[in-house]
Amino acid sequence: MRQDKLNLETHEWAREMLRIGNRAAKRAQEENRKKGIPNVYDFNGHLYYELPNGELTKEDPYPLSREPDSDEEKC
C-alpha cells in the first residue's frame, strides 16, 4: 500500500515555507504601494493591476513597456 500522507516534519516545513513566502509577498506589495508602483495579479489567466490609489484595472499602466506584437515590425 502506498503512503500518500506527508510526515509531520515535511508538513511543518511546507507550512513554514508558505508563511515565509506570504510574508515576503505582502512586504513587496506594501513597498510597491509606498513607491507608487502598481501591483500585478493574475486571476484565471487575466492580468489585473492594483494602482497606488487602490484602484483595480485590467489596463496596463505602462503601455509603452510592452513588447511589440509578432505582427509589428521589430528593429
N, C-alpha and C. Protein backbone atom coordinates (compact mmCIF):
# COMPACT_ATOMS: atom_id res chain seq x y z
N MET A 1 0.84 -1.18 0.00
CA MET A 1 0.00 0.00 0.00
C MET A 1 0.89 1.25 0.00
N ARG A 2 0.56 2.20 -0.86
CA ARG A 2 1.33 3.43 -0.99
C ARG A 2 0.90 4.45 0.06
N GLN A 3 1.87 5.12 0.66
CA GLN A 3 1.55 6.12 1.68
C GLN A 3 1.53 7.50 1.01
N ASP A 4 0.33 8.14 0.93
CA ASP A 4 0.19 9.44 0.29
C ASP A 4 0.28 10.60 1.28
N LYS A 5 0.23 10.33 2.54
CA LYS A 5 0.24 11.40 3.53
C LYS A 5 1.68 11.85 3.79
N LEU A 6 1.81 13.17 4.01
CA LEU A 6 3.12 13.71 4.36
C LEU A 6 3.42 13.41 5.81
N ASN A 7 4.69 13.19 6.10
CA ASN A 7 5.02 13.02 7.50
C ASN A 7 4.97 14.39 8.17
N LEU A 8 4.93 14.42 9.47
CA LEU A 8 4.75 15.66 10.23
C LEU A 8 5.86 16.66 9.95
N GLU A 9 7.09 16.21 9.88
CA GLU A 9 8.22 17.11 9.63
C GLU A 9 8.10 17.81 8.27
N THR A 10 7.72 17.06 7.25
CA THR A 10 7.56 17.64 5.92
C THR A 10 6.41 18.64 5.90
N HIS A 11 5.33 18.29 6.56
CA HIS A 11 4.18 19.19 6.64
C HIS A 11 4.55 20.50 7.34
N GLU A 12 5.26 20.42 8.45
CA GLU A 12 5.68 21.62 9.18
C GLU A 12 6.63 22.47 8.34
N TRP A 13 7.56 21.83 7.61
CA TRP A 13 8.48 22.56 6.75
C TRP A 13 7.71 23.29 5.65
N ALA A 14 6.75 22.62 5.03
CA ALA A 14 5.96 23.24 3.96
C ALA A 14 5.16 24.43 4.49
N ARG A 15 4.58 24.29 5.67
CA ARG A 15 3.83 25.41 6.27
C ARG A 15 4.75 26.59 6.55
N GLU A 16 5.96 26.33 7.02
CA GLU A 16 6.92 27.40 7.30
C GLU A 16 7.34 28.11 6.00
N MET A 17 7.58 27.36 4.94
CA MET A 17 7.95 27.95 3.65
C MET A 17 6.81 28.81 3.11
N LEU A 18 5.57 28.34 3.26
CA LEU A 18 4.41 29.11 2.83
C LEU A 18 4.29 30.40 3.63
N ARG A 19 4.52 30.32 4.93
CA ARG A 19 4.44 31.50 5.79
C ARG A 19 5.49 32.53 5.37
N ILE A 20 6.71 32.08 5.12
CA ILE A 20 7.79 32.98 4.71
C ILE A 20 7.46 33.62 3.36
N GLY A 21 6.99 32.83 2.43
CA GLY A 21 6.63 33.35 1.10
C GLY A 21 5.51 34.36 1.16
N ASN A 22 4.48 34.07 1.96
CA ASN A 22 3.36 35.01 2.09
C ASN A 22 3.81 36.32 2.71
N ARG A 23 4.67 36.24 3.71
CA ARG A 23 5.17 37.45 4.37
C ARG A 23 5.99 38.28 3.38
N ALA A 24 6.84 37.64 2.60
CA ALA A 24 7.66 38.35 1.62
C ALA A 24 6.80 39.02 0.56
N ALA A 25 5.77 38.32 0.09
CA ALA A 25 4.88 38.90 -0.92
C ALA A 25 4.14 40.12 -0.36
N LYS A 26 3.67 40.01 0.86
CA LYS A 26 2.95 41.13 1.48
C LYS A 26 3.87 42.34 1.64
N ARG A 27 5.11 42.11 2.06
CA ARG A 27 6.07 43.22 2.21
C ARG A 27 6.37 43.86 0.86
N ALA A 28 6.52 43.05 -0.17
CA ALA A 28 6.80 43.59 -1.51
C ALA A 28 5.62 44.43 -2.00
N GLN A 29 4.39 43.97 -1.75
CA GLN A 29 3.21 44.74 -2.15
C GLN A 29 3.18 46.08 -1.42
N GLU A 30 3.45 46.08 -0.14
CA GLU A 30 3.45 47.32 0.64
C GLU A 30 4.54 48.27 0.14
N GLU A 31 5.71 47.73 -0.16
CA GLU A 31 6.81 48.56 -0.66
C GLU A 31 6.45 49.17 -2.01
N ASN A 32 5.83 48.39 -2.89
CA ASN A 32 5.39 48.91 -4.18
C ASN A 32 4.40 50.05 -4.00
N ARG A 33 3.45 49.90 -3.09
CA ARG A 33 2.47 50.96 -2.86
C ARG A 33 3.15 52.24 -2.40
N LYS A 34 4.10 52.12 -1.49
CA LYS A 34 4.83 53.30 -0.99
C LYS A 34 5.60 53.99 -2.11
N LYS A 35 6.13 53.22 -3.05
CA LYS A 35 6.92 53.77 -4.15
C LYS A 35 6.07 54.18 -5.34
N GLY A 36 4.75 53.93 -5.27
CA GLY A 36 3.87 54.29 -6.37
C GLY A 36 3.93 53.33 -7.54
N ILE A 37 4.34 52.10 -7.28
CA ILE A 37 4.45 51.08 -8.32
C ILE A 37 3.22 50.18 -8.25
N PRO A 38 2.54 49.95 -9.38
CA PRO A 38 1.36 49.08 -9.36
C PRO A 38 1.73 47.64 -9.03
N ASN A 39 0.86 46.97 -8.29
CA ASN A 39 0.99 45.53 -8.06
C ASN A 39 0.22 44.82 -9.16
N VAL A 40 0.77 43.73 -9.66
CA VAL A 40 0.14 42.99 -10.75
C VAL A 40 -0.28 41.63 -10.24
N TYR A 41 -1.53 41.26 -10.55
CA TYR A 41 -2.08 39.98 -10.12
C TYR A 41 -2.60 39.23 -11.34
N ASP A 42 -2.56 37.92 -11.27
CA ASP A 42 -3.10 37.07 -12.33
C ASP A 42 -4.23 36.24 -11.73
N PHE A 43 -5.44 36.50 -12.22
CA PHE A 43 -6.60 35.72 -11.80
C PHE A 43 -7.13 34.98 -13.02
N ASN A 44 -7.05 33.67 -13.00
CA ASN A 44 -7.55 32.83 -14.09
C ASN A 44 -7.02 33.27 -15.45
N GLY A 45 -5.74 33.59 -15.50
CA GLY A 45 -5.12 33.94 -16.77
C GLY A 45 -5.31 35.38 -17.21
N HIS A 46 -5.96 36.21 -16.40
CA HIS A 46 -6.17 37.62 -16.72
C HIS A 46 -5.34 38.47 -15.77
N LEU A 47 -4.63 39.46 -16.34
CA LEU A 47 -3.81 40.34 -15.52
C LEU A 47 -4.65 41.50 -14.99
N TYR A 48 -4.47 41.80 -13.71
CA TYR A 48 -5.12 42.94 -13.06
C TYR A 48 -4.02 43.76 -12.40
N TYR A 49 -4.17 45.07 -12.50
CA TYR A 49 -3.19 45.99 -11.92
C TYR A 49 -3.84 46.73 -10.77
N GLU A 50 -3.19 46.70 -9.61
CA GLU A 50 -3.64 47.48 -8.47
C GLU A 50 -2.81 48.75 -8.47
N LEU A 51 -3.45 49.87 -8.78
CA LEU A 51 -2.76 51.14 -8.84
C LEU A 51 -2.46 51.65 -7.44
N PRO A 52 -1.51 52.57 -7.31
CA PRO A 52 -1.15 53.07 -5.98
C PRO A 52 -2.32 53.66 -5.19
N ASN A 53 -3.37 54.15 -5.89
CA ASN A 53 -4.54 54.70 -5.20
C ASN A 53 -5.53 53.61 -4.78
N GLY A 54 -5.20 52.34 -5.04
CA GLY A 54 -6.05 51.23 -4.65
C GLY A 54 -7.00 50.75 -5.73
N GLU A 55 -7.10 51.49 -6.83
CA GLU A 55 -7.99 51.11 -7.92
C GLU A 55 -7.46 49.87 -8.64
N LEU A 56 -8.37 48.97 -9.01
CA LEU A 56 -8.01 47.79 -9.80
C LEU A 56 -8.41 48.03 -11.25
N THR A 57 -7.53 47.67 -12.18
CA THR A 57 -7.81 47.85 -13.59
C THR A 57 -7.17 46.72 -14.38
N LYS A 58 -7.73 46.45 -15.56
CA LYS A 58 -7.13 45.46 -16.46
C LYS A 58 -6.20 46.15 -17.45
N GLU A 59 -6.23 47.49 -17.47
CA GLU A 59 -5.41 48.25 -18.41
C GLU A 59 -3.99 48.41 -17.87
N ASP A 60 -3.01 48.09 -18.71
CA ASP A 60 -1.60 48.19 -18.32
C ASP A 60 -1.25 49.66 -18.10
N PRO A 61 -0.80 50.03 -16.89
CA PRO A 61 -0.45 51.42 -16.64
C PRO A 61 0.84 51.85 -17.34
N TYR A 62 1.58 50.90 -17.88
CA TYR A 62 2.82 51.19 -18.61
C TYR A 62 2.73 50.61 -20.02
N PRO A 63 1.83 51.13 -20.87
CA PRO A 63 1.64 50.51 -22.19
C PRO A 63 2.87 50.56 -23.08
N LEU A 64 3.75 51.52 -22.90
CA LEU A 64 4.94 51.61 -23.74
C LEU A 64 5.99 50.57 -23.39
N SER A 65 5.85 49.94 -22.23
CA SER A 65 6.84 48.96 -21.80
C SER A 65 6.57 47.57 -22.37
N ARG A 66 5.42 47.40 -23.04
CA ARG A 66 5.09 46.09 -23.61
C ARG A 66 5.98 45.78 -24.81
N GLU A 67 6.24 44.51 -25.01
CA GLU A 67 6.99 44.08 -26.18
C GLU A 67 6.08 44.18 -27.39
N PRO A 68 6.65 44.48 -28.57
CA PRO A 68 5.83 44.58 -29.78
C PRO A 68 5.20 43.23 -30.12
N ASP A 69 4.00 43.29 -30.69
CA ASP A 69 3.33 42.07 -31.13
C ASP A 69 4.13 41.44 -32.26
N SER A 70 3.89 40.18 -32.51
CA SER A 70 4.63 39.48 -33.56
C SER A 70 4.32 40.07 -34.93
N ASP A 71 3.14 40.73 -35.09
CA ASP A 71 2.77 41.35 -36.36
C ASP A 71 3.53 42.65 -36.59
N GLU A 72 3.97 43.29 -35.50
CA GLU A 72 4.65 44.57 -35.63
C GLU A 72 6.09 44.35 -36.06
N GLU A 73 6.61 45.36 -36.75
CA GLU A 73 7.99 45.27 -37.23
C GLU A 73 8.96 45.45 -36.06
N LYS A 74 9.95 44.59 -36.01
CA LYS A 74 10.97 44.66 -34.97
C LYS A 74 12.24 45.24 -35.56
N CYS A 75 12.95 46.02 -34.79
CA CYS A 75 14.21 46.62 -35.26
C CYS A 75 15.36 45.66 -35.09
